[in-house]
Amino acid sequence: ANEDDLVFVGEGEYWSSNVPVYQGNGDETYQIEINYKESNLHDIKNFNYYVKTKNNNVIDFEENDASLNKQGNYQKKLPISNSQATSEKDELVITVEWNGSSEDFTLTNK
């Protein structure tokens, strides 16, 4: 990690997430962690998520049929690399869809 790295965090009623953005050498790569906050983990088979930057759409990725581990966490290093364009003032919006439900919340740099 270096001082240019950003970590966007936020939570909704059922989910929380953080998206570290690693910046260096003129490019940036991403990781995502999504956590289910409720105790009925067995009800969640798979979920979909969509993440994008609120203003400039520098960051824009999604995954269908993601699954949680036994602790209710999902973590993935994303095979995406962009030119270094994300700033600490950006906000990310994440949408999580599961079991016919959907939740949107905003992630801000901490």
N, C-alpha and C. Protein backbone atom coordinates (compact mmCIF):
# COMPACT_ATOMS: atom_id res chain seq x y z
N ALA A 1 0.85 -1.19 0.00
CA ALA A 1 0.00 0.00 0.00
C ALA A 1 0.88 1.24 0.00
N ASN A 2 0.43 2.26 -0.73
CA ASN A 2 1.17 3.51 -0.67
C ASN A 2 0.19 4.65 -0.40
N GLU A 3 0.71 5.84 -0.24
CA GLU A 3 -0.13 6.96 0.20
C GLU A 3 -1.15 7.37 -0.86
N ASP A 4 -0.98 6.95 -2.11
CA ASP A 4 -1.94 7.29 -3.15
C ASP A 4 -3.14 6.34 -3.17
N ASP A 5 -3.04 5.23 -2.44
CA ASP A 5 -4.13 4.26 -2.45
C ASP A 5 -5.38 4.85 -1.79
N LEU A 6 -6.52 4.45 -2.29
CA LEU A 6 -7.80 4.92 -1.78
C LEU A 6 -8.59 3.71 -1.28
N VAL A 7 -9.42 3.91 -0.27
CA VAL A 7 -10.31 2.84 0.18
C VAL A 7 -11.71 3.43 0.32
N PHE A 8 -12.61 2.94 -0.51
CA PHE A 8 -14.00 3.42 -0.48
C PHE A 8 -14.81 2.46 0.38
N VAL A 9 -15.53 3.00 1.37
CA VAL A 9 -16.31 2.17 2.28
C VAL A 9 -17.72 2.72 2.42
N GLY A 10 -18.64 1.83 2.71
CA GLY A 10 -20.02 2.24 2.94
C GLY A 10 -20.86 1.05 3.32
N GLU A 11 -22.09 1.33 3.77
CA GLU A 11 -22.98 0.24 4.10
C GLU A 11 -24.43 0.65 3.94
N GLY A 12 -25.24 -0.37 3.69
CA GLY A 12 -26.67 -0.22 3.62
C GLY A 12 -27.30 -0.95 4.79
N GLU A 13 -28.57 -1.27 4.65
CA GLU A 13 -29.27 -1.95 5.73
C GLU A 13 -28.80 -3.40 5.87
N TYR A 14 -28.56 -4.08 4.74
CA TYR A 14 -28.22 -5.51 4.77
C TYR A 14 -26.78 -5.82 4.41
N TRP A 15 -26.13 -4.91 3.71
CA TRP A 15 -24.80 -5.18 3.17
C TRP A 15 -23.84 -4.06 3.52
N SER A 16 -22.56 -4.39 3.59
CA SER A 16 -21.51 -3.37 3.67
C SER A 16 -20.44 -3.76 2.66
N SER A 17 -19.63 -2.79 2.29
CA SER A 17 -18.63 -3.07 1.26
C SER A 17 -17.45 -2.15 1.41
N ASN A 18 -16.31 -2.60 0.96
CA ASN A 18 -15.17 -1.70 0.78
C ASN A 18 -14.46 -2.06 -0.51
N VAL A 19 -13.99 -1.03 -1.18
CA VAL A 19 -13.30 -1.19 -2.46
C VAL A 19 -11.97 -0.45 -2.39
N PRO A 20 -10.88 -1.16 -2.11
CA PRO A 20 -9.55 -0.53 -2.18
C PRO A 20 -9.16 -0.28 -3.64
N VAL A 21 -8.60 0.88 -3.89
CA VAL A 21 -8.10 1.25 -5.22
C VAL A 21 -6.59 1.45 -5.05
N TYR A 22 -5.80 0.59 -5.67
CA TYR A 22 -4.35 0.66 -5.55
C TYR A 22 -3.80 1.44 -6.73
N GLN A 23 -3.14 2.54 -6.43
CA GLN A 23 -2.64 3.41 -7.49
C GLN A 23 -1.12 3.45 -7.48
N GLY A 24 -0.56 3.42 -8.68
CA GLY A 24 0.89 3.50 -8.80
C GLY A 24 1.31 3.28 -10.24
N ASN A 25 2.44 3.81 -10.61
CA ASN A 25 2.97 3.66 -11.96
C ASN A 25 1.97 4.08 -13.04
N GLY A 26 1.14 5.07 -12.72
CA GLY A 26 0.21 5.59 -13.72
C GLY A 26 -1.03 4.77 -13.95
N ASP A 27 -1.21 3.69 -13.19
CA ASP A 27 -2.44 2.93 -13.34
C ASP A 27 -3.03 2.59 -11.98
N GLU A 28 -4.20 1.98 -11.99
CA GLU A 28 -4.85 1.60 -10.75
C GLU A 28 -5.55 0.26 -10.92
N THR A 29 -5.55 -0.52 -9.84
CA THR A 29 -6.23 -1.81 -9.81
C THR A 29 -7.17 -1.81 -8.61
N TYR A 30 -8.12 -2.75 -8.63
CA TYR A 30 -9.19 -2.74 -7.64
C TYR A 30 -9.35 -4.08 -6.95
N GLN A 31 -9.89 -3.99 -5.76
CA GLN A 31 -10.29 -5.17 -5.02
C GLN A 31 -11.67 -4.84 -4.46
N ILE A 32 -12.47 -5.85 -4.16
CA ILE A 32 -13.77 -5.58 -3.56
C ILE A 32 -14.02 -6.58 -2.45
N GLU A 33 -14.63 -6.09 -1.39
CA GLU A 33 -15.10 -6.95 -0.31
C GLU A 33 -16.54 -6.55 -0.03
N ILE A 34 -17.42 -7.54 0.03
CA ILE A 34 -18.82 -7.32 0.33
C ILE A 34 -19.17 -8.22 1.50
N ASN A 35 -19.87 -7.67 2.48
CA ASN A 35 -20.25 -8.42 3.67
C ASN A 35 -21.76 -8.36 3.87
N TYR A 36 -22.34 -9.52 4.16
CA TYR A 36 -23.76 -9.58 4.48
C TYR A 36 -23.89 -9.39 5.98
N LYS A 37 -24.74 -8.46 6.41
CA LYS A 37 -24.79 -8.05 7.81
C LYS A 37 -25.78 -8.85 8.66
N GLU A 38 -26.66 -9.61 8.02
CA GLU A 38 -27.68 -10.36 8.77
C GLU A 38 -27.16 -11.74 9.16
N SER A 39 -27.91 -12.44 9.99
CA SER A 39 -27.46 -13.75 10.47
C SER A 39 -27.98 -14.92 9.63
N ASN A 40 -28.97 -14.68 8.76
CA ASN A 40 -29.56 -15.78 7.99
C ASN A 40 -28.78 -16.05 6.71
N LEU A 41 -27.50 -16.34 6.87
CA LEU A 41 -26.62 -16.57 5.72
C LEU A 41 -27.10 -17.69 4.81
N HIS A 42 -27.70 -18.71 5.39
CA HIS A 42 -28.13 -19.86 4.59
C HIS A 42 -29.18 -19.47 3.55
N ASP A 43 -29.83 -18.32 3.73
CA ASP A 43 -30.83 -17.85 2.77
C ASP A 43 -30.21 -17.27 1.50
N ILE A 44 -28.93 -16.93 1.57
CA ILE A 44 -28.27 -16.29 0.43
C ILE A 44 -27.49 -17.36 -0.34
N LYS A 45 -28.02 -17.74 -1.48
CA LYS A 45 -27.29 -18.71 -2.32
C LYS A 45 -26.26 -17.97 -3.17
N ASN A 46 -26.74 -17.08 -4.02
CA ASN A 46 -25.86 -16.27 -4.87
C ASN A 46 -26.39 -14.85 -4.89
N PHE A 47 -25.53 -13.93 -5.27
CA PHE A 47 -25.96 -12.54 -5.39
C PHE A 47 -25.24 -11.90 -6.56
N ASN A 48 -25.78 -10.80 -7.04
CA ASN A 48 -25.15 -10.02 -8.10
C ASN A 48 -24.77 -8.67 -7.53
N TYR A 49 -23.72 -8.08 -8.05
CA TYR A 49 -23.42 -6.71 -7.64
C TYR A 49 -22.94 -5.90 -8.83
N TYR A 50 -23.15 -4.60 -8.72
CA TYR A 50 -22.75 -3.64 -9.74
C TYR A 50 -22.11 -2.47 -9.01
N VAL A 51 -20.95 -2.04 -9.46
CA VAL A 51 -20.25 -0.91 -8.83
C VAL A 51 -19.91 0.08 -9.93
N LYS A 52 -20.19 1.36 -9.67
CA LYS A 52 -19.74 2.38 -10.62
C LYS A 52 -19.46 3.67 -9.87
N THR A 53 -18.63 4.50 -10.48
CA THR A 53 -18.33 5.80 -9.91
C THR A 53 -19.54 6.70 -10.15
N LYS A 54 -19.91 7.47 -9.14
CA LYS A 54 -21.12 8.29 -9.23
C LYS A 54 -21.02 9.33 -10.35
N ASN A 55 -19.87 9.98 -10.49
CA ASN A 55 -19.78 11.13 -11.40
C ASN A 55 -19.18 10.80 -12.76
N ASN A 56 -18.04 10.11 -12.77
CA ASN A 56 -17.29 10.03 -14.02
C ASN A 56 -17.20 8.63 -14.63
N ASN A 57 -17.76 7.63 -13.97
CA ASN A 57 -17.76 6.25 -14.48
C ASN A 57 -16.38 5.71 -14.82
N VAL A 58 -15.36 6.17 -14.10
CA VAL A 58 -14.04 5.57 -14.26
C VAL A 58 -14.10 4.11 -13.83
N ILE A 59 -14.70 3.87 -12.69
CA ILE A 59 -14.85 2.51 -12.18
C ILE A 59 -16.24 2.03 -12.58
N ASP A 60 -16.30 0.85 -13.19
CA ASP A 60 -17.57 0.30 -13.62
C ASP A 60 -17.37 -1.21 -13.77
N PHE A 61 -17.82 -1.99 -12.79
CA PHE A 61 -17.69 -3.44 -12.89
C PHE A 61 -18.85 -4.12 -12.18
N GLU A 62 -19.02 -5.38 -12.49
CA GLU A 62 -20.13 -6.14 -11.92
C GLU A 62 -19.78 -7.61 -11.92
N GLU A 63 -20.55 -8.37 -11.14
CA GLU A 63 -20.42 -9.82 -11.18
C GLU A 63 -21.78 -10.43 -10.88
N ASN A 64 -22.11 -11.48 -11.62
CA ASN A 64 -23.33 -12.23 -11.38
C ASN A 64 -22.98 -13.55 -10.71
N ASP A 65 -23.89 -14.05 -9.91
CA ASP A 65 -23.72 -15.34 -9.23
C ASP A 65 -22.50 -15.39 -8.33
N ALA A 66 -22.22 -14.30 -7.65
CA ALA A 66 -21.16 -14.31 -6.63
C ALA A 66 -21.71 -15.05 -5.41
N SER A 67 -20.82 -15.59 -4.59
CA SER A 67 -21.28 -16.30 -3.40
C SER A 67 -20.46 -15.88 -2.18
N LEU A 68 -21.09 -16.00 -1.03
CA LEU A 68 -20.47 -15.63 0.24
C LEU A 68 -19.75 -16.82 0.85
N ASN A 69 -18.73 -16.56 1.66
CA ASN A 69 -18.12 -17.63 2.42
C ASN A 69 -18.94 -17.87 3.69
N LYS A 70 -18.50 -18.79 4.54
CA LYS A 70 -19.27 -19.15 5.74
C LYS A 70 -19.44 -17.99 6.72
N GLN A 71 -18.54 -16.99 6.63
CA GLN A 71 -18.63 -15.83 7.51
C GLN A 71 -19.50 -14.72 6.93
N GLY A 72 -20.03 -14.94 5.74
CA GLY A 72 -20.87 -13.93 5.10
C GLY A 72 -20.08 -12.88 4.35
N ASN A 73 -18.85 -13.24 3.94
CA ASN A 73 -17.98 -12.30 3.22
C ASN A 73 -17.73 -12.77 1.80
N TYR A 74 -17.50 -11.81 0.95
CA TYR A 74 -17.10 -12.06 -0.43
C TYR A 74 -15.91 -11.13 -0.69
N GLN A 75 -14.86 -11.67 -1.24
CA GLN A 75 -13.68 -10.85 -1.51
C GLN A 75 -13.08 -11.26 -2.85
N LYS A 76 -12.70 -10.26 -3.63
CA LYS A 76 -12.13 -10.57 -4.93
C LYS A 76 -11.17 -9.47 -5.35
N LYS A 77 -10.03 -9.89 -5.86
CA LYS A 77 -9.12 -8.96 -6.51
C LYS A 77 -9.55 -8.91 -7.97
N LEU A 78 -9.83 -7.73 -8.46
CA LEU A 78 -10.40 -7.61 -9.80
C LEU A 78 -9.32 -7.53 -10.86
N PRO A 79 -9.50 -8.25 -11.95
CA PRO A 79 -8.50 -8.27 -13.02
C PRO A 79 -8.66 -7.07 -13.94
N ILE A 80 -8.95 -5.92 -13.34
CA ILE A 80 -9.18 -4.70 -14.11
C ILE A 80 -8.05 -3.73 -13.79
N SER A 81 -7.56 -3.07 -14.81
CA SER A 81 -6.57 -2.02 -14.60
C SER A 81 -6.95 -0.84 -15.47
N ASN A 82 -6.96 0.32 -14.89
CA ASN A 82 -7.27 1.55 -15.61
C ASN A 82 -6.13 2.53 -15.45
N SER A 83 -6.15 3.56 -16.26
CA SER A 83 -5.21 4.65 -16.00
C SER A 83 -5.62 5.28 -14.68
N GLN A 84 -4.68 5.86 -14.00
CA GLN A 84 -4.92 6.39 -12.66
C GLN A 84 -5.84 7.61 -12.75
N ALA A 85 -7.13 7.41 -12.47
CA ALA A 85 -8.11 8.48 -12.67
C ALA A 85 -9.06 8.67 -11.49
N THR A 86 -9.04 7.74 -10.53
CA THR A 86 -9.95 7.84 -9.39
C THR A 86 -9.36 8.80 -8.37
N SER A 87 -10.20 9.67 -7.81
CA SER A 87 -9.70 10.61 -6.81
C SER A 87 -10.41 10.39 -5.48
N GLU A 88 -9.84 10.94 -4.43
CA GLU A 88 -10.40 10.77 -3.09
C GLU A 88 -11.77 11.42 -2.95
N LYS A 89 -12.12 12.32 -3.86
CA LYS A 89 -13.42 12.97 -3.80
C LYS A 89 -14.52 12.17 -4.49
N ASP A 90 -14.14 11.15 -5.26
CA ASP A 90 -15.12 10.34 -5.96
C ASP A 90 -15.99 9.57 -4.96
N GLU A 91 -17.17 9.21 -5.40
CA GLU A 91 -18.05 8.33 -4.64
C GLU A 91 -18.43 7.16 -5.54
N LEU A 92 -18.47 5.98 -4.97
CA LEU A 92 -18.89 4.80 -5.71
C LEU A 92 -20.30 4.44 -5.27
N VAL A 93 -21.08 3.93 -6.20
CA VAL A 93 -22.41 3.43 -5.87
C VAL A 93 -22.40 1.93 -6.14
N ILE A 94 -22.83 1.16 -5.15
CA ILE A 94 -22.92 -0.29 -5.32
C ILE A 94 -24.38 -0.70 -5.23
N THR A 95 -24.77 -1.60 -6.11
CA THR A 95 -26.09 -2.22 -6.06
C THR A 95 -25.87 -3.70 -5.83
N VAL A 96 -26.52 -4.25 -4.80
CA VAL A 96 -26.46 -5.69 -4.54
C VAL A 96 -27.86 -6.25 -4.74
N GLU A 97 -27.96 -7.33 -5.51
CA GLU A 97 -29.24 -7.99 -5.75
C GLU A 97 -29.15 -9.42 -5.25
N TRP A 98 -30.15 -9.83 -4.47
CA TRP A 98 -30.18 -11.19 -3.93
C TRP A 98 -31.64 -11.57 -3.66
N ASN A 99 -31.96 -12.82 -3.92
CA ASN A 99 -33.27 -13.38 -3.58
C ASN A 99 -34.43 -12.46 -3.95
N GLY A 100 -34.36 -11.79 -5.07
CA GLY A 100 -35.44 -10.91 -5.48
C GLY A 100 -35.42 -9.55 -4.81
N SER A 101 -34.43 -9.30 -3.94
CA SER A 101 -34.29 -8.00 -3.28
C SER A 101 -33.11 -7.24 -3.88
N SER A 102 -33.08 -5.96 -3.61
CA SER A 102 -32.00 -5.12 -4.13
C SER A 102 -31.71 -4.01 -3.13
N GLU A 103 -30.44 -3.67 -2.99
CA GLU A 103 -30.04 -2.57 -2.11
C GLU A 103 -28.94 -1.77 -2.79
N ASP A 104 -29.07 -0.43 -2.77
CA ASP A 104 -28.04 0.48 -3.28
C ASP A 104 -27.48 1.24 -2.10
N PHE A 105 -26.19 1.47 -2.10
CA PHE A 105 -25.59 2.39 -1.13
C PHE A 105 -24.32 2.98 -1.70
N THR A 106 -23.89 4.06 -1.08
CA THR A 106 -22.75 4.82 -1.58
C THR A 106 -21.51 4.49 -0.76
N LEU A 107 -20.37 4.40 -1.44
CA LEU A 107 -19.08 4.20 -0.79
C LEU A 107 -18.27 5.47 -0.95
N THR A 108 -17.70 5.95 0.14
CA THR A 108 -16.87 7.15 0.09
C THR A 108 -15.47 6.81 0.58
N ASN A 109 -14.49 7.57 0.14
CA ASN A 109 -13.11 7.35 0.54
C ASN A 109 -12.97 7.68 2.01
N LYS A 110 -12.31 6.75 2.76
CA LYS A 110 -12.19 6.99 4.21
C LYS A 110 -10.86 7.61 4.56
